[in-house]
C-alpha cells in the first residue's frame, strides 16, 4: 500500500521550542529529504449544508453506520446520552470503544477546551495552508473539513465559525454538545477504527489531534484519511507519545532506575503501557513523519515538533522566560487534569487503586512544586494530497 516518498516535492521538518513560540516561531530546523434521537440541536437554519445522521448504533454495526452525508440533525436527548455513555470509576466513558478509555464527560471536555487554547498559543491556530485551501474561491463548490476524534469540538467549531461558507464535520465516539453549534457544522457519532469509506473524496481538510490512544492501526488511519481528501486536500495530524522527556530532551523510559525517575514520568510510563494493552498506539507520534513521507499520494510534507515545559520551572528574567513559564503553567494545569482523566484507564486495566493513588498524588505534588525540569513532546505533520 505504501511506497517510497515522491522526490518531486520538498519535505520540511520544523522544530519549535516553547521558548521560541512568541509572536512567530524563531528556531526552525528544516529537513529536505524530497426523545427522539433525530430531533434538532442546530443553532439555526441549516443553510445549504446537510447535517448527517447521528445515532447510538453507528459504531457497532457497519450496516447501521451513518451513510454520510445524509440529511438530518440530532438532539442530545436523555436516550442518546444514555446510549453514548457509561460511568466507570466516577467518570463518564464512551459506550462504544473498548480501546479508548479516557473520559468523555463535561470535566474532560473542559480540559480539552483549555488544551486547545494552549495548543493555539504554541502552534498557531491552523496549519499555514489551511486558510487558502478553505477559501471561498470556487463558485458552486462548498469547501469541507472533518475533525476525527473531535473531543469537545474546539478545533472544528473554530473552523466552522472562521469559514462560515464551509461545511464542517465533527466525528467522535460521543455527540458534540455545543449548544451554539454553527449552522454549517454537524456532529457524527462513529468509531473511526471501522474505516472511513463513507467519507472517501469528501473533504478539503482532514484533521486529527491526540487520538492515538484510541486507534488500533494508526498507519491504516492515515491511509483512510488520505482517501477522504479531495485532490490537493490537506491532512493535519498532531500527537504525543505518552512519554515524559528530561531537560536533555531524552525520553524517560521505564528502564531508568526508579529512584532517578520523576513521579510524573513513572505515571506516564504506566499510562503508556495501559494504552498499548487496550489496543491503542501510544508511540504513533514517533512514526507520523515517516508514515506520511512513505505514502505515495502525499506531497508538500511539513513536520514540526514542539517541546512543552511541564511547569513554570525556568529561572531567569525577561519576556522569553516569562512566556516559557506561562506556557509551562498551562501545560501543568492540563497534566493535573489529565492525572484525573487517566484513572478509569489505569483502574480498568487492573492496577490496584493504592498504586494508582500513589502515582497520582506524588506526580501532582512534583508538578506543583515545579522543581523537576521535564518536557512533553508534541509532534505535528501536515501535507497535501497530490492532484490526480
Protein backbone atom coordinates (compact mmCIF):
# COMPACT_ATOMS: atom_id res chain seq x y z
CA UNK A 1 0.00 0.00 0.00
CA UNK A 2 2.83 2.39 0.78
CA UNK A 3 5.88 3.15 -1.34
CA UNK A 4 8.86 5.45 -1.07
CA UNK A 5 8.10 9.19 -0.94
CA UNK A 6 7.95 11.31 -4.04
CA UNK A 7 11.18 13.03 -4.90
CA UNK A 8 9.46 15.81 -6.78
CA UNK A 9 8.39 17.88 -3.77
CA UNK A 10 10.43 19.05 -0.79
CA UNK A 11 9.76 17.75 2.69
CA UNK A 12 10.36 20.16 5.54
CA UNK A 13 10.96 19.47 9.21
CA UNK A 14 10.42 22.29 11.70
CA UNK A 15 11.21 22.15 15.40
CA UNK A 16 9.57 24.61 17.76
CA UNK A 17 10.51 25.03 21.39
CA UNK A 18 8.33 26.69 23.99
CA UNK A 19 10.94 29.38 24.49
CA UNK A 20 10.69 30.20 20.79
CA UNK A 21 6.91 30.29 20.49
CA UNK A 22 6.47 34.05 20.69
CA UNK A 23 4.65 36.03 18.02
CA UNK A 24 6.16 33.62 15.50
CA UNK A 25 8.45 30.61 15.96
CA UNK A 26 12.12 31.55 15.75
CA UNK A 27 14.06 28.30 15.91
CA UNK A 28 13.17 26.20 12.88
CA UNK A 29 15.06 23.12 11.79
CA UNK A 30 14.26 22.07 8.24
CA UNK A 31 14.83 18.68 6.69
CA UNK A 32 14.86 18.42 2.91
CA UNK A 33 14.56 14.71 2.00
CA UNK A 34 12.46 15.10 -1.12
CA UNK A 35 -36.73 11.98 22.83
CA UNK A 36 -36.35 11.34 19.50
CA UNK A 37 -32.76 10.85 18.71
CA UNK A 38 -33.27 12.55 15.36
CA UNK A 39 -34.57 15.88 16.55
CA UNK A 40 -32.71 19.15 16.17
CA UNK A 41 -29.87 20.67 18.17
CA UNK A 42 -28.70 23.04 15.44
CA UNK A 43 -28.43 26.67 16.44
CA UNK A 44 -30.33 27.96 13.47
CA UNK A 45 -31.37 27.18 9.92
CA UNK A 46 -29.18 24.67 8.16
CA UNK A 47 -28.46 26.95 5.19
CA UNK A 48 -27.30 24.78 2.28
CA UNK A 49 -25.43 22.33 4.49
CA UNK A 50 -26.92 18.91 5.13
CA UNK A 51 -26.06 17.55 8.58
CA UNK A 52 -25.96 13.78 8.68
CA UNK A 53 -27.49 11.10 10.79
CA UNK A 54 -26.19 10.54 14.31
CA UNK A 55 -27.44 7.51 16.19
CA UNK A 56 -26.20 5.45 19.08
CA UNK A 57 -25.76 2.47 16.75
CA UNK A 58 -23.28 3.83 14.23
CA UNK A 59 -20.20 2.37 15.91
CA UNK A 60 -21.24 -1.25 16.37
CA UNK A 61 -22.62 -2.43 13.07
CA UNK A 62 -21.29 -1.43 9.65
CA UNK A 63 -24.79 -1.72 8.15
CA UNK A 64 -26.13 0.72 10.75
CA UNK A 65 -23.39 3.31 10.37
CA UNK A 66 -24.16 6.76 9.04
CA UNK A 67 -24.24 6.83 5.25
CA UNK A 68 -22.88 10.35 5.50
CA UNK A 69 -23.60 12.88 4.19
CA UNK A 70 -27.36 12.38 4.52
CA UNK A 71 -29.89 14.95 5.70
CA UNK A 72 -30.80 15.06 9.38
CA UNK A 73 -29.66 16.61 12.65
CA UNK A 74 -29.58 15.32 16.19
CA UNK A 75 -30.70 16.33 19.63
CA UNK A 76 -28.91 15.41 22.83
CA UNK A 77 -31.87 13.60 24.35
CA UNK A 78 -31.70 11.52 27.50
CA UNK A 79 -31.88 8.29 25.48
CA UNK A 80 -28.99 9.31 23.21
CA UNK A 81 -26.94 10.39 26.20
CA UNK A 82 -27.67 7.10 27.96
CA UNK A 83 -26.67 5.14 24.88
CA UNK A 84 -23.46 7.13 24.43
CA UNK A 85 -22.01 6.96 27.94
CA UNK A 86 -21.46 4.73 30.89
CA UNK A 87 -19.97 5.61 34.26
CA UNK A 88 -16.75 3.97 35.39
CA UNK A 89 -14.69 4.95 38.43
CA UNK A 90 -16.60 8.21 38.81
CA UNK A 91 -16.23 9.40 35.19
CA UNK A 92 -18.35 9.30 32.05
CA UNK A 93 -16.80 6.92 29.47
CA UNK A 94 -17.90 6.38 25.88
CA UNK A 95 -20.09 3.33 25.40
CA UNK A 96 -18.71 2.17 22.06
CA UNK A 97 -14.96 1.67 22.11
CA UNK A 98 -13.06 -0.62 24.45
CA UNK A 99 -9.80 0.84 23.09
CA UNK A 100 -10.33 4.49 24.04
CA UNK A 101 -10.87 4.63 27.81
CA UNK A 102 -10.29 8.28 28.63
CA UNK A 103 -13.41 10.13 29.81
CA UNK A 104 -15.91 11.83 27.52
CA UNK A 105 -17.70 13.90 30.15
CA UNK A 106 -18.07 17.60 30.87
CA UNK A 107 -14.96 17.65 33.05
CA UNK A 108 -12.86 16.18 30.25
CA UNK A 109 -14.35 18.50 27.62
CA UNK A 110 -13.44 21.49 29.79
CA UNK A 111 -9.86 20.17 29.94
CA UNK A 112 -9.78 19.77 26.18
CA UNK A 113 -11.07 23.32 25.66
CA UNK A 114 -8.22 24.67 27.79
CA UNK A 115 -5.77 22.40 25.99
CA UNK A 116 -6.98 23.77 22.65
CA UNK A 117 -6.12 27.30 23.79
CA UNK A 118 -2.65 26.14 24.86
CA UNK A 119 -2.01 24.47 21.51
CA UNK A 120 -3.11 27.58 19.61
CA UNK A 121 -0.70 29.69 21.64
CA UNK A 122 2.18 27.35 20.86
CA UNK A 123 1.43 26.07 17.34
CA UNK A 124 -0.79 28.71 15.83
CA UNK A 125 -4.48 28.32 15.13
CA UNK A 126 -4.23 26.47 11.82
CA UNK A 127 -1.51 24.96 9.63
CA UNK A 128 -0.40 27.67 7.16
CA UNK A 129 -2.03 26.17 4.03
CA UNK A 130 -5.49 25.81 5.59
CA UNK A 131 -6.93 29.32 5.04
CA UNK A 132 -6.13 29.22 1.34
CA UNK A 133 -7.49 25.69 0.97
CA UNK A 134 -10.78 26.60 2.67
CA UNK A 135 -11.12 29.97 0.94
CA UNK A 136 -14.46 30.66 -0.71
CA UNK A 137 -12.89 30.95 -4.15
CA UNK A 138 -14.59 28.33 -6.31
CA UNK A 139 -18.11 29.17 -7.49
CA UNK A 140 -20.54 26.35 -6.94
CA UNK A 141 -18.17 24.34 -4.73
CA UNK A 142 -18.63 24.06 -0.96
CA UNK A 143 -15.33 23.59 0.86
CA UNK A 144 -15.38 20.87 3.51
CA UNK A 145 -13.44 19.94 6.66
CA UNK A 146 -13.60 16.97 9.04
CA UNK A 147 -12.21 16.64 12.57
CA UNK A 148 -11.76 12.98 13.53
CA UNK A 149 -11.88 12.35 17.25
CA UNK A 150 -13.04 15.91 17.83
CA UNK A 151 -13.39 15.70 21.62
CA UNK A 152 -15.03 18.87 22.88
CA UNK A 153 -15.12 20.19 19.33
CA UNK A 154 -12.99 23.27 19.98
CA UNK A 155 -10.97 22.98 16.77
CA UNK A 156 -13.79 22.17 14.35
CA UNK A 157 -16.03 24.84 15.89
CA UNK A 158 -13.31 27.40 15.25
CA UNK A 159 -13.15 26.24 11.62
CA UNK A 160 -16.92 26.46 11.23
CA UNK A 161 -17.00 29.99 12.63
CA UNK A 162 -13.92 31.27 10.83
CA UNK A 163 -15.02 29.80 7.48
CA UNK A 164 -18.83 30.11 7.54
CA UNK A 165 -19.08 29.18 3.86
CA UNK A 166 -17.56 25.74 4.59
CA UNK A 167 -19.23 22.54 5.70
CA UNK A 168 -17.59 21.29 8.92
CA UNK A 169 -18.00 17.75 10.27
CA UNK A 170 -17.13 16.64 13.82
CA UNK A 171 -16.70 12.89 14.39
CA UNK A 172 -16.26 11.22 17.77
CA UNK A 173 -17.45 8.36 19.94
CA UNK A 174 -19.95 10.65 21.65
CA UNK A 175 -22.03 13.51 20.23
CA UNK A 176 -20.64 17.02 20.33
CA UNK A 177 -22.73 19.02 22.77
CA UNK A 178 -22.16 22.68 21.97
CA UNK A 179 -25.49 24.47 22.36
CA UNK A 180 -24.34 27.19 19.96
CA UNK A 181 -23.21 24.96 17.14
CA UNK A 182 -22.87 26.98 13.92
CA UNK A 183 -25.36 26.04 11.18
CA UNK A 184 -22.54 24.86 8.91
CA UNK A 185 -21.30 22.30 11.46
CA UNK A 186 -22.63 18.81 12.12
CA UNK A 187 -21.73 16.11 14.64
CA UNK A 188 -21.43 12.42 13.83
CA UNK A 189 -21.06 9.54 16.28
CA UNK A 190 -18.73 6.88 14.94
CA UNK A 191 -15.72 4.71 15.71
CA UNK A 192 -13.13 5.67 13.11
CA UNK A 193 -11.35 2.34 13.66
CA UNK A 194 -14.10 0.87 11.45
CA UNK A 195 -12.91 2.82 8.43
CA UNK A 196 -13.90 6.00 6.61
CA UNK A 197 -15.20 4.60 3.33
CA UNK A 198 -18.39 6.65 3.58
CA UNK A 199 -16.22 9.81 3.50
CA UNK A 200 -13.93 8.99 0.57
CA UNK A 201 -13.26 12.04 -1.60
CA UNK A 202 -15.46 14.27 0.55
CA UNK A 203 -13.11 16.75 2.25
CA UNK A 204 -10.64 19.52 1.56
CA UNK A 205 -9.16 19.22 5.07
CA UNK A 206 -8.93 16.19 7.39
CA UNK A 207 -7.68 16.79 10.94
CA UNK A 208 -6.92 14.52 13.90
CA UNK A 209 -5.34 15.54 17.20
CA UNK A 210 -4.33 13.34 20.13
CA UNK A 211 -6.34 10.30 19.06
CA UNK A 212 -3.58 7.65 19.11
CA UNK A 213 -4.69 6.13 22.42
CA UNK A 214 -7.93 5.04 20.74
CA UNK A 215 -6.57 3.93 17.36
CA UNK A 216 -5.71 0.29 16.65
CA UNK A 217 -3.88 0.91 13.38
CA UNK A 218 -2.67 4.49 13.05
CA UNK A 219 -0.84 3.89 9.78
CA UNK A 220 -4.06 2.48 8.39
CA UNK A 221 -5.96 5.51 9.70
CA UNK A 222 -3.59 7.78 7.78
CA UNK A 223 -4.39 5.94 4.58
CA UNK A 224 -8.11 6.22 5.31
CA UNK A 225 -7.77 9.95 5.98
CA UNK A 226 -5.89 10.45 2.73
CA UNK A 227 -8.72 8.70 0.89
CA UNK A 228 -11.23 11.15 2.37
CA UNK A 229 -9.37 14.07 0.78
CA UNK A 230 -10.16 15.73 -2.49
CA UNK A 231 -7.20 16.36 -4.82
CA UNK A 232 -4.80 18.84 -3.18
CA UNK A 233 -6.59 18.41 0.11
CA UNK A 234 -4.76 18.87 3.44
CA UNK A 235 -4.15 16.33 6.19
CA UNK A 236 -3.13 17.54 9.66
CA UNK A 237 -2.00 15.18 12.45
CA UNK A 238 -0.95 16.12 15.99
CA UNK A 239 0.11 13.51 18.56
CA UNK A 240 2.32 12.93 21.59
CA UNK A 241 3.97 9.64 22.53
CA UNK A 242 2.85 9.19 26.15
CA UNK A 243 6.39 9.80 27.38
CA UNK A 244 7.99 12.43 29.59
CA UNK A 245 11.35 13.89 28.50
CA UNK A 246 14.21 15.19 30.61
CA UNK A 247 15.96 18.53 30.18
CA UNK A 248 18.23 16.96 27.53
CA UNK A 249 15.14 16.02 25.51
CA UNK A 250 15.72 12.32 26.20
CA UNK A 251 12.69 10.13 26.89
CA UNK A 252 12.49 8.93 30.50
CA UNK A 253 11.84 5.23 29.94
CA UNK A 254 10.81 2.57 32.48
CA UNK A 255 14.35 1.11 32.24
CA UNK A 256 15.77 4.01 34.27
CA UNK A 257 16.45 3.38 37.92
CA UNK A 258 13.25 4.08 39.83
CA UNK A 259 14.91 6.44 42.29
CA UNK A 260 16.11 8.53 39.34
CA UNK A 261 12.71 8.62 37.64
CA UNK A 262 10.37 11.54 38.36
CA UNK A 263 6.94 10.55 39.62
CA UNK A 264 5.18 12.11 36.65
CA UNK A 265 7.34 10.08 34.26
CA UNK A 266 6.52 6.91 36.22
CA UNK A 267 2.80 7.70 35.94
CA UNK A 268 3.08 8.39 32.20
CA UNK A 269 5.01 5.17 31.58
CA UNK A 270 2.21 3.22 33.26
CA UNK A 271 -0.36 5.04 31.10
CA UNK A 272 1.70 4.21 28.00
CA UNK A 273 1.55 0.52 28.86
CA UNK A 274 -2.19 0.68 29.61
CA UNK A 275 -2.94 2.35 26.28
CA UNK A 276 -0.99 -0.33 24.42
CA UNK A 277 -2.67 -3.13 26.34
CA UNK A 278 -6.06 -1.69 25.37
CA UNK A 279 -5.09 -1.82 21.70
CA UNK A 280 -4.11 1.80 21.12
CA UNK A 281 -0.83 3.04 19.61
CA UNK A 282 0.82 5.26 22.24
CA UNK A 283 4.01 5.73 20.19
CA UNK A 284 2.27 6.67 16.91
CA UNK A 285 3.61 10.22 17.23
CA UNK A 286 7.14 8.95 16.64
CA UNK A 287 6.17 7.47 13.27
CA UNK A 288 3.90 10.17 11.82
CA UNK A 289 6.59 11.80 9.70
CA UNK A 290 7.82 8.53 8.20
CA UNK A 291 4.31 7.20 7.54
CA UNK A 292 3.28 10.37 5.70
CA UNK A 293 6.56 10.53 3.75
CA UNK A 294 6.11 6.93 2.64
CA UNK A 295 2.56 7.47 1.44
CA UNK A 296 2.54 7.61 -2.36
CA UNK A 297 -0.28 10.15 -2.55
CA UNK A 298 1.19 12.80 -0.24
CA UNK A 299 3.42 15.79 -1.04
CA UNK A 300 4.46 19.16 0.43
CA UNK A 301 5.06 17.45 3.76
CA UNK A 302 5.93 19.56 6.81
CA UNK A 303 7.00 18.07 10.14
CA UNK A 304 7.14 20.10 13.35
CA UNK A 305 7.85 19.19 16.95
CA UNK A 306 7.00 21.27 19.99
CA UNK A 307 8.58 20.98 23.43
CA UNK A 308 6.23 21.93 26.26
CA UNK A 309 7.62 22.54 29.73
CA UNK A 310 5.65 20.58 32.31
CA UNK A 311 5.67 23.50 34.72
CA UNK A 312 6.97 27.05 35.34
CA UNK A 313 10.38 25.78 36.41
CA UNK A 314 12.61 28.02 34.29
CA UNK A 315 14.77 30.58 36.15
CA UNK A 316 15.79 33.96 34.84
CA UNK A 317 14.34 37.27 33.75
CA UNK A 318 12.94 38.61 30.53
CA UNK A 319 9.92 38.18 28.30
CA UNK A 320 11.01 34.85 26.89
CA UNK A 321 11.42 33.22 30.29
CA UNK A 322 8.10 34.68 31.41
CA UNK A 323 6.35 33.28 28.37
CA UNK A 324 8.03 29.87 28.71
CA UNK A 325 6.86 29.66 32.31
CA UNK A 326 3.36 30.80 31.36
CA UNK A 327 3.18 28.04 28.75
CA UNK A 328 4.59 25.64 31.34
CA UNK A 329 1.81 26.64 33.72
CA UNK A 330 -0.79 25.93 31.05
CA UNK A 331 0.71 22.52 30.38
CA UNK A 332 0.96 21.74 34.08
CA UNK A 333 -2.73 22.56 34.55
CA UNK A 334 -3.57 20.30 31.63
CA UNK A 335 -1.48 17.48 33.09
CA UNK A 336 -3.02 17.86 36.55
CA UNK A 337 -6.46 17.39 34.98
CA UNK A 338 -5.09 14.53 32.85
CA UNK A 339 -3.96 12.72 36.01
CA UNK A 340 -7.65 12.53 36.95
CA UNK A 341 -8.69 11.59 33.42
CA UNK A 342 -6.29 8.65 33.40
CA UNK A 343 -7.80 6.92 36.45
CA UNK A 344 -10.50 4.94 34.58
CA UNK A 345 -7.92 3.69 32.07
CA UNK A 346 -5.48 2.54 34.76
CA UNK A 347 -8.06 1.08 37.12
CA UNK A 348 -9.96 -0.74 34.36
CA UNK A 349 -6.63 -2.29 33.31
CA UNK A 350 -6.33 -3.93 36.69
CA UNK A 351 -3.93 -1.63 38.52
CA UNK A 352 -4.50 -1.62 42.25
CA UNK A 353 -6.16 1.57 43.46
CA UNK A 354 -3.37 2.07 46.00
CA UNK A 355 -0.76 2.02 43.25
CA UNK A 356 -2.75 4.48 41.12
CA UNK A 357 -3.26 6.77 44.11
CA UNK A 358 0.45 6.73 44.98
CA UNK A 359 1.49 7.57 41.42
CA UNK A 360 -1.12 10.26 41.02
CA UNK A 361 -0.57 12.00 44.35
CA UNK A 362 3.21 12.05 44.04
CA UNK A 363 3.07 13.21 40.43
CA UNK A 364 0.70 16.01 41.41
CA UNK A 365 2.96 17.11 44.26
CA UNK A 366 6.00 17.05 41.99
CA UNK A 367 4.27 19.11 39.30
CA UNK A 368 3.00 21.71 41.75
CA UNK A 369 6.47 22.12 43.25
CA UNK A 370 7.82 22.78 39.71
CA UNK A 371 11.38 21.79 40.53
CA UNK A 372 11.80 18.83 38.17
CA UNK A 373 12.67 20.00 34.67
CA UNK A 374 10.74 17.82 32.25
CA UNK A 375 9.03 18.24 28.90
CA UNK A 376 6.18 16.84 26.84
CA UNK A 377 7.00 16.43 23.14
CA UNK A 378 4.15 17.05 20.69
CA UNK A 379 4.68 16.13 17.03
CA UNK A 380 2.79 17.56 14.08
CA UNK A 381 2.70 16.65 10.40
CA UNK A 382 0.66 18.30 7.68
CA UNK A 383 0.73 17.56 3.97
CA UNK A 384 -1.22 17.85 0.71
CA UNK A 385 -2.78 15.09 -1.35
CA UNK A 386 -1.44 15.01 -4.87
CA UNK A 387 -3.63 16.17 -7.74
CA UNK A 388 -4.96 13.34 -9.80
